[in-house]
């Protein structure tokens, strides 16, 4: 179960997610503080949220468009967010998968701030309204990379499995 804390529109660029003026900061432990720095209320929400709860942000079409900066995905990963969008920009999506950011494509999503949602294999259930929305699933390998926490942990796991054989 997760709580929706913010709803964004279409075409949220990587510069909105992680402003270019912070590009000198690249450490995954430092980048989260600058997530959505130009949307002060969202930045404050992210900084104040409890790490013991699951939170989601929801966006429209083309989330993560613009430059290919990896920090846009890593700063969100640092907040342990679920990012639900109608669709994602191609490079951002691959960066997010490689870093193990929990991203979900749900073209029909309808939620409001503070709605409680439950994410299942094939759908998102809005527990507040009772409506459900189909998810576009990732291919098995892409989902396995996300579930492992990113490409490096996934590769490490696969190599250990191979050694055991």
Protein backbone atom coordinates (compact mmCIF):
# COMPACT_ATOMS: atom_id res chain seq x y z
CA UNK A 1 0.00 0.00 0.00
CA UNK A 2 1.18 3.54 -0.75
CA UNK A 3 -0.05 7.08 -0.28
CA UNK A 4 -0.11 9.54 -3.18
CA UNK A 5 1.74 12.66 -2.02
CA UNK A 6 1.89 14.71 -5.22
CA UNK A 7 0.46 14.84 -8.72
CA UNK A 8 2.45 16.29 -11.60
CA UNK A 9 1.38 17.08 -15.14
CA UNK A 10 2.75 16.13 -18.53
CA UNK A 11 6.30 16.63 -19.84
CA UNK A 12 8.08 16.75 -16.49
CA UNK A 13 11.67 17.16 -17.63
CA UNK A 14 14.83 15.94 -15.96
CA UNK A 15 15.62 19.62 -15.31
CA UNK A 16 12.45 19.87 -13.23
CA UNK A 17 13.23 16.63 -11.42
CA UNK A 18 16.90 17.50 -10.82
CA UNK A 19 17.79 21.08 -11.78
CA UNK A 20 20.95 21.53 -13.84
CA UNK A 21 22.54 23.90 -11.35
CA UNK A 22 23.08 20.91 -9.03
CA UNK A 23 24.85 18.77 -11.64
CA UNK A 24 28.16 19.07 -9.76
CA UNK A 25 26.53 17.01 -6.99
CA UNK A 26 26.50 13.42 -8.17
CA UNK A 27 26.72 11.26 -5.05
CA UNK A 28 23.49 9.27 -4.58
CA UNK A 29 23.59 10.16 -0.87
CA UNK A 30 23.57 13.89 -1.69
CA UNK A 31 21.33 14.21 -4.76
CA UNK A 32 17.96 13.48 -3.06
CA UNK A 33 17.94 16.85 -1.29
CA UNK A 34 17.70 18.58 -4.68
CA UNK A 35 14.81 16.53 -6.09
CA UNK A 36 12.20 18.95 -7.45
CA UNK A 37 14.14 21.88 -5.94
CA UNK A 38 12.15 24.30 -8.10
CA UNK A 39 8.83 22.95 -6.78
CA UNK A 40 9.36 23.97 -3.15
CA UNK A 41 6.26 22.28 -1.70
CA UNK A 42 7.15 18.93 -3.30
CA UNK A 43 10.82 19.24 -2.31
CA UNK A 44 9.74 19.94 1.28
CA UNK A 45 7.32 16.98 1.27
CA UNK A 46 10.08 14.66 0.11
CA UNK A 47 12.49 15.89 2.76
CA UNK A 48 9.91 15.53 5.54
CA UNK A 49 8.33 12.19 4.67
CA UNK A 50 8.90 9.15 6.83
CA UNK A 51 11.11 6.50 5.31
CA UNK A 52 8.98 3.76 6.90
CA UNK A 53 5.96 4.49 4.69
CA UNK A 54 5.46 3.97 0.97
CA UNK A 55 4.79 7.13 -0.97
CA UNK A 56 3.99 7.69 -4.63
CA UNK A 57 4.11 10.61 -6.98
CA UNK A 58 1.91 10.44 -10.05
CA UNK A 59 2.54 12.15 -13.38
CA UNK A 60 1.06 12.40 -16.83
CA UNK A 61 2.72 11.72 -20.17
CA UNK A 62 6.45 11.87 -20.94
CA UNK A 63 7.81 11.90 -17.39
CA UNK A 64 11.59 12.39 -17.43
CA UNK A 65 11.88 14.01 -20.85
CA UNK A 66 14.85 16.20 -21.69
CA UNK A 67 18.49 15.50 -20.98
CA UNK A 68 19.79 12.08 -20.07
CA UNK A 69 21.06 13.04 -16.62
CA UNK A 70 21.13 9.98 -14.39
CA UNK A 71 20.73 12.15 -11.29
CA UNK A 72 17.06 12.66 -12.16
CA UNK A 73 16.45 8.99 -11.43
CA UNK A 74 18.99 8.62 -8.62
CA UNK A 75 17.64 11.57 -6.61
CA UNK A 76 14.19 9.96 -6.66
CA UNK A 77 15.63 6.55 -5.79
CA UNK A 78 17.15 8.22 -2.73
CA UNK A 79 13.65 9.06 -1.52
CA UNK A 80 12.47 5.48 -2.00
CA UNK A 81 9.49 6.73 -4.01
CA UNK A 82 7.13 4.93 -6.30
CA UNK A 83 6.83 6.93 -9.52
CA UNK A 84 3.64 6.26 -11.46
CA UNK A 85 3.19 7.92 -14.84
CA UNK A 86 1.02 7.53 -17.90
CA UNK A 87 4.32 6.96 -19.74
CA UNK A 88 8.00 7.72 -19.36
CA UNK A 89 10.63 9.26 -21.60
CA UNK A 90 12.82 6.46 -22.98
CA UNK A 91 16.22 7.46 -21.53
CA UNK A 92 14.80 8.35 -18.11
CA UNK A 93 12.99 5.01 -17.99
CA UNK A 94 16.17 3.07 -18.74
CA UNK A 95 18.12 5.08 -16.15
CA UNK A 96 15.36 4.42 -13.60
CA UNK A 97 15.38 0.69 -14.29
CA UNK A 98 19.19 0.53 -14.14
CA UNK A 99 19.10 2.24 -10.74
CA UNK A 100 16.21 0.18 -9.40
CA UNK A 101 13.77 3.08 -9.06
CA UNK A 102 10.25 1.75 -8.64
CA UNK A 103 8.54 3.07 -11.78
CA UNK A 104 5.10 2.00 -12.97
CA UNK A 105 3.43 2.79 -16.28
CA UNK A 106 -0.31 3.24 -15.86
CA UNK A 107 -1.90 5.22 -18.73
CA UNK A 108 -5.38 5.40 -17.17
CA UNK A 109 -4.40 6.32 -13.59
CA UNK A 110 -6.83 8.59 -11.73
CA UNK A 111 -5.87 9.61 -8.21
CA UNK A 112 -5.88 12.57 -5.88
CA UNK A 113 -3.34 13.65 -3.32
CA UNK A 114 -3.67 11.57 -0.13
CA UNK A 115 -5.39 8.67 -1.91
CA UNK A 116 -4.27 5.26 -0.68
CA UNK A 117 -3.34 2.90 -3.49
CA UNK A 118 -2.47 -0.77 -3.70
CA UNK A 119 -0.16 -1.92 -6.46
CA UNK A 120 -0.71 -5.40 -7.81
CA UNK A 121 0.97 -7.25 -10.68
CA UNK A 122 -1.46 -6.07 -13.32
CA UNK A 123 -3.28 -3.12 -11.80
CA UNK A 124 -3.32 -0.25 -9.35
CA UNK A 125 -6.27 -0.19 -7.02
CA UNK A 126 -7.26 3.19 -5.65
CA UNK A 127 -8.46 2.17 -2.19
CA UNK A 128 -9.95 5.62 -1.62
CA UNK A 129 -12.27 5.52 -4.65
CA UNK A 130 -12.49 1.77 -5.26
CA UNK A 131 -11.43 2.16 -8.90
CA UNK A 132 -8.72 0.05 -10.53
CA UNK A 133 -6.39 0.89 -13.39
CA UNK A 134 -4.36 -1.49 -15.57
CA UNK A 135 -0.57 -1.38 -15.46
CA UNK A 136 1.57 -1.86 -18.54
CA UNK A 137 3.99 -4.48 -17.23
CA UNK A 138 7.69 -4.43 -17.99
CA UNK A 139 9.34 -7.42 -19.65
CA UNK A 140 10.44 -9.95 -17.02
CA UNK A 141 14.12 -9.03 -17.14
CA UNK A 142 13.47 -5.30 -16.74
CA UNK A 143 11.19 -5.99 -13.77
CA UNK A 144 13.78 -8.32 -12.27
CA UNK A 145 16.36 -5.51 -12.47
CA UNK A 146 14.01 -3.13 -10.64
CA UNK A 147 13.16 -5.80 -8.04
CA UNK A 148 16.86 -6.49 -7.44
CA UNK A 149 17.49 -2.80 -6.73
CA UNK A 150 19.16 -1.97 -10.02
CA UNK A 151 21.43 -3.35 -12.72
CA UNK A 152 24.49 -3.80 -10.51
CA UNK A 153 22.70 -5.79 -7.78
CA UNK A 154 20.89 -7.78 -10.48
CA UNK A 155 24.15 -8.64 -12.24
CA UNK A 156 25.84 -9.50 -8.95
CA UNK A 157 22.95 -11.83 -8.07
CA UNK A 158 23.08 -13.52 -11.46
CA UNK A 159 26.85 -14.03 -11.21
CA UNK A 160 26.50 -15.60 -7.75
CA UNK A 161 23.78 -17.91 -9.06
CA UNK A 162 26.05 -18.96 -11.93
CA UNK A 163 28.95 -19.69 -9.57
CA UNK A 164 26.72 -21.92 -7.43
CA UNK A 165 25.87 -24.05 -10.46
